[in-house]
Amino acid sequence: MIKAISYIFKRPDLSNQEFVNHYETTHAPLARSILEFGYYERNHILNNDSNKLPSCISIFKYNSEEQLRKTQKTLENYPPELKEDELKFMDFDQNYYYFVKEDVINNKAYPFKVFSDKRLDQIAIELCSINNIYDSKLQIYEYGCKVDLSEDFNDSKVYFCKNFT
């Protein structure tokens, strides 16, 4: 399975709730209808009110290189309805992504996720995966959490998220 981790920024004129509402009720269903991926997850960041940091971490998994190539081919001629929708709620030029080699630790489903570029030692979170960024020595640690601890995470490099799959 091929995994991409995308950092998505909201338009500065939108509230966090407006961003989440549009992403979940309009954009995610539209993206699913146009693009092919084996798995699609959105993690809306709860401990961030800044427009300088991402608002969501989206995860895309592809079942094969063929499925990824098919999606990339579709995006070469960016479907107008997808692009128009993205511009309604994303600050598109700030978005970025990494392809990663995922080392799965556990496959449990969690209502909340935590993403960090460093290993965290907290009792209430469980390590889900270590994601090694291709062509880099950097890693993204992905944790699961059963309760909302967003107020306990005030480090701008650690993202506490509400998970949507």
Protein backbone atom coordinates (compact mmCIF):
# COMPACT_ATOMS: atom_id res chain seq x y z
CA MET A 1 0.00 0.00 0.00
CA ILE A 2 1.28 3.50 -0.88
CA LYS A 3 0.60 6.25 1.66
CA ALA A 4 0.60 10.03 1.27
CA ILE A 5 0.24 12.46 4.17
CA SER A 6 -1.10 15.87 3.10
CA TYR A 7 -1.08 19.08 5.12
CA ILE A 8 -4.11 21.17 4.16
CA PHE A 9 -4.51 24.87 4.95
CA LYS A 10 -7.84 26.64 5.26
CA ARG A 11 -8.60 29.95 3.62
CA PRO A 12 -7.91 32.71 6.16
CA ASP A 13 -11.41 34.19 5.80
CA LEU A 14 -13.06 30.97 7.02
CA SER A 15 -13.55 29.81 10.59
CA ASN A 16 -12.25 26.39 11.57
CA GLN A 17 -15.84 25.12 11.75
CA GLU A 18 -16.69 26.44 8.27
CA PHE A 19 -13.59 24.70 6.94
CA VAL A 20 -14.49 21.37 8.60
CA ASN A 21 -18.12 21.57 7.47
CA HIS A 22 -17.20 22.20 3.84
CA TYR A 23 -14.47 19.58 3.80
CA GLU A 24 -16.66 16.86 5.30
CA THR A 25 -20.03 17.58 3.66
CA THR A 26 -18.94 18.75 0.20
CA HIS A 27 -15.30 18.15 -0.64
CA ALA A 28 -14.66 14.65 0.72
CA PRO A 29 -17.67 13.14 -1.12
CA LEU A 30 -16.68 15.01 -4.31
CA ALA A 31 -13.05 13.83 -4.11
CA ARG A 32 -14.20 10.24 -3.55
CA SER A 33 -16.40 10.44 -6.65
CA ILE A 34 -13.56 11.68 -8.90
CA LEU A 35 -10.33 10.19 -7.54
CA GLU A 36 -9.37 6.61 -6.82
CA PHE A 37 -7.75 5.65 -3.57
CA GLY A 38 -7.97 2.68 -1.29
CA TYR A 39 -8.35 4.75 1.86
CA TYR A 40 -9.09 8.41 2.65
CA GLU A 41 -8.91 9.94 6.11
CA ARG A 42 -9.16 13.55 7.28
CA ASN A 43 -7.74 14.71 10.61
CA HIS A 44 -8.94 18.19 11.50
CA ILE A 45 -6.47 19.90 13.81
CA LEU A 46 -8.03 21.03 17.09
CA ASN A 47 -5.05 22.72 18.76
CA ASN A 48 -4.46 25.32 16.05
CA ASP A 49 -6.15 28.67 15.53
CA SER A 50 -3.40 30.07 13.33
CA ASN A 51 -3.60 30.50 9.57
CA LYS A 52 0.15 29.90 9.46
CA LEU A 53 -0.25 26.23 10.35
CA PRO A 54 -2.25 23.52 8.59
CA SER A 55 -5.91 22.99 9.49
CA CYS A 56 -6.11 19.35 8.45
CA ILE A 57 -3.88 16.36 7.87
CA SER A 58 -5.35 14.15 5.16
CA ILE A 59 -4.18 10.62 4.56
CA PHE A 60 -4.49 8.93 1.19
CA LYS A 61 -3.62 5.27 0.69
CA TYR A 62 -3.40 3.61 -2.69
CA ASN A 63 -3.72 -0.15 -3.12
CA SER A 64 -1.16 -0.24 -5.93
CA GLU A 65 1.14 1.89 -8.04
CA GLU A 66 -1.40 1.50 -10.83
CA GLN A 67 -4.12 3.08 -8.68
CA LEU A 68 -1.77 5.93 -7.73
CA ARG A 69 -0.80 6.51 -11.39
CA LYS A 70 -4.47 6.60 -12.37
CA THR A 71 -5.15 9.27 -9.74
CA GLN A 72 -2.06 11.24 -10.81
CA LYS A 73 -3.22 11.06 -14.44
CA THR A 74 -6.63 12.43 -13.42
CA LEU A 75 -4.93 15.29 -11.57
CA GLU A 76 -2.72 16.18 -14.57
CA ASN A 77 -5.84 17.61 -16.19
CA TYR A 78 -7.17 18.85 -12.87
CA PRO A 79 -10.93 18.24 -12.88
CA PRO A 80 -12.47 21.73 -12.86
CA GLU A 81 -15.17 20.87 -10.33
CA LEU A 82 -12.54 19.58 -7.89
CA LYS A 83 -10.27 22.61 -8.27
CA GLU A 84 -13.19 25.06 -7.98
CA ASP A 85 -14.32 23.35 -4.81
CA GLU A 86 -10.82 23.34 -3.28
CA LEU A 87 -10.54 27.08 -3.85
CA LYS A 88 -13.76 27.61 -1.88
CA PHE A 89 -12.20 26.49 1.39
CA MET A 90 -8.47 25.74 1.01
CA ASP A 91 -5.50 28.08 0.85
CA PHE A 92 -4.35 25.77 -1.92
CA ASP A 93 -0.87 27.23 -2.51
CA GLN A 94 0.18 26.45 1.07
CA ASN A 95 -0.81 22.77 0.94
CA TYR A 96 1.97 20.18 0.80
CA TYR A 97 2.33 16.41 1.08
CA TYR A 98 4.80 13.61 1.62
CA PHE A 99 4.87 10.09 0.32
CA VAL A 100 5.87 7.87 3.20
CA LYS A 101 6.84 4.30 3.96
CA GLU A 102 4.43 3.34 6.71
CA ASP A 103 5.49 1.04 9.54
CA VAL A 104 2.16 0.05 11.10
CA ILE A 105 2.24 -0.51 14.84
CA ASN A 106 -1.50 -0.96 15.35
CA ASN A 107 -4.60 -0.75 13.14
CA LYS A 108 -7.14 0.33 15.75
CA ALA A 109 -9.66 3.03 14.87
CA TYR A 110 -9.53 6.16 17.04
CA PRO A 111 -11.78 9.22 17.22
CA PHE A 112 -8.70 11.41 17.67
CA LYS A 113 -5.22 11.34 16.16
CA VAL A 114 -1.94 13.03 17.06
CA PHE A 115 0.81 13.75 14.51
CA SER A 116 4.33 14.75 15.44
CA ASP A 117 7.81 14.83 13.94
CA LYS A 118 9.16 13.43 17.20
CA ARG A 119 8.33 10.47 19.39
CA LEU A 120 5.92 11.34 22.20
CA ASP A 121 5.76 9.68 25.59
CA GLN A 122 2.19 10.14 26.82
CA ILE A 123 0.04 7.58 28.57
CA ALA A 124 -3.26 8.49 26.87
CA ILE A 125 -2.04 8.10 23.27
CA GLU A 126 -1.11 4.93 21.39
CA LEU A 127 1.39 4.75 18.55
CA CYS A 128 -0.35 3.77 15.30
CA SER A 129 2.45 4.14 12.77
CA ILE A 130 5.88 5.51 12.09
CA ASN A 131 5.93 7.13 8.65
CA ASN A 132 9.33 7.48 7.04
CA ILE A 133 9.35 10.26 4.48
CA TYR A 134 10.87 9.07 1.20
CA ASP A 135 14.17 10.76 0.24
CA SER A 136 14.52 12.12 3.77
CA LYS A 137 15.60 11.04 7.23
CA LEU A 138 12.49 12.65 8.71
CA GLN A 139 9.63 10.73 10.24
CA ILE A 140 6.02 11.48 11.07
CA TYR A 141 4.70 9.70 14.14
CA GLU A 142 0.97 8.97 14.09
CA TYR A 143 -0.84 8.25 17.36
CA GLY A 144 -4.41 7.38 18.27
CA CYS A 145 -6.36 8.69 21.22
CA LYS A 146 -9.79 7.81 22.61
CA VAL A 147 -10.56 11.17 24.26
CA ASP A 148 -10.18 14.85 23.35
CA LEU A 149 -6.90 16.01 24.88
CA SER A 150 -6.42 18.93 22.48
CA GLU A 151 -5.97 21.40 25.36
CA ASP A 152 -3.02 19.35 26.62
CA PHE A 153 -1.17 19.80 23.31
CA ASN A 154 -0.01 23.39 22.85
CA ASP A 155 3.13 22.68 20.87
CA SER A 156 2.77 24.02 17.30
CA LYS A 157 4.73 21.01 16.01
CA VAL A 158 2.35 18.47 17.55
CA TYR A 159 -1.08 18.30 15.93
CA PHE A 160 -4.04 16.98 17.92
CA CYS A 161 -6.84 16.10 15.51
CA LYS A 162 -10.46 14.96 15.26
CA ASN A 163 -10.45 11.97 12.94
CA PHE A 164 -12.89 11.53 10.04
CA THR A 165 -12.78 8.44 7.83
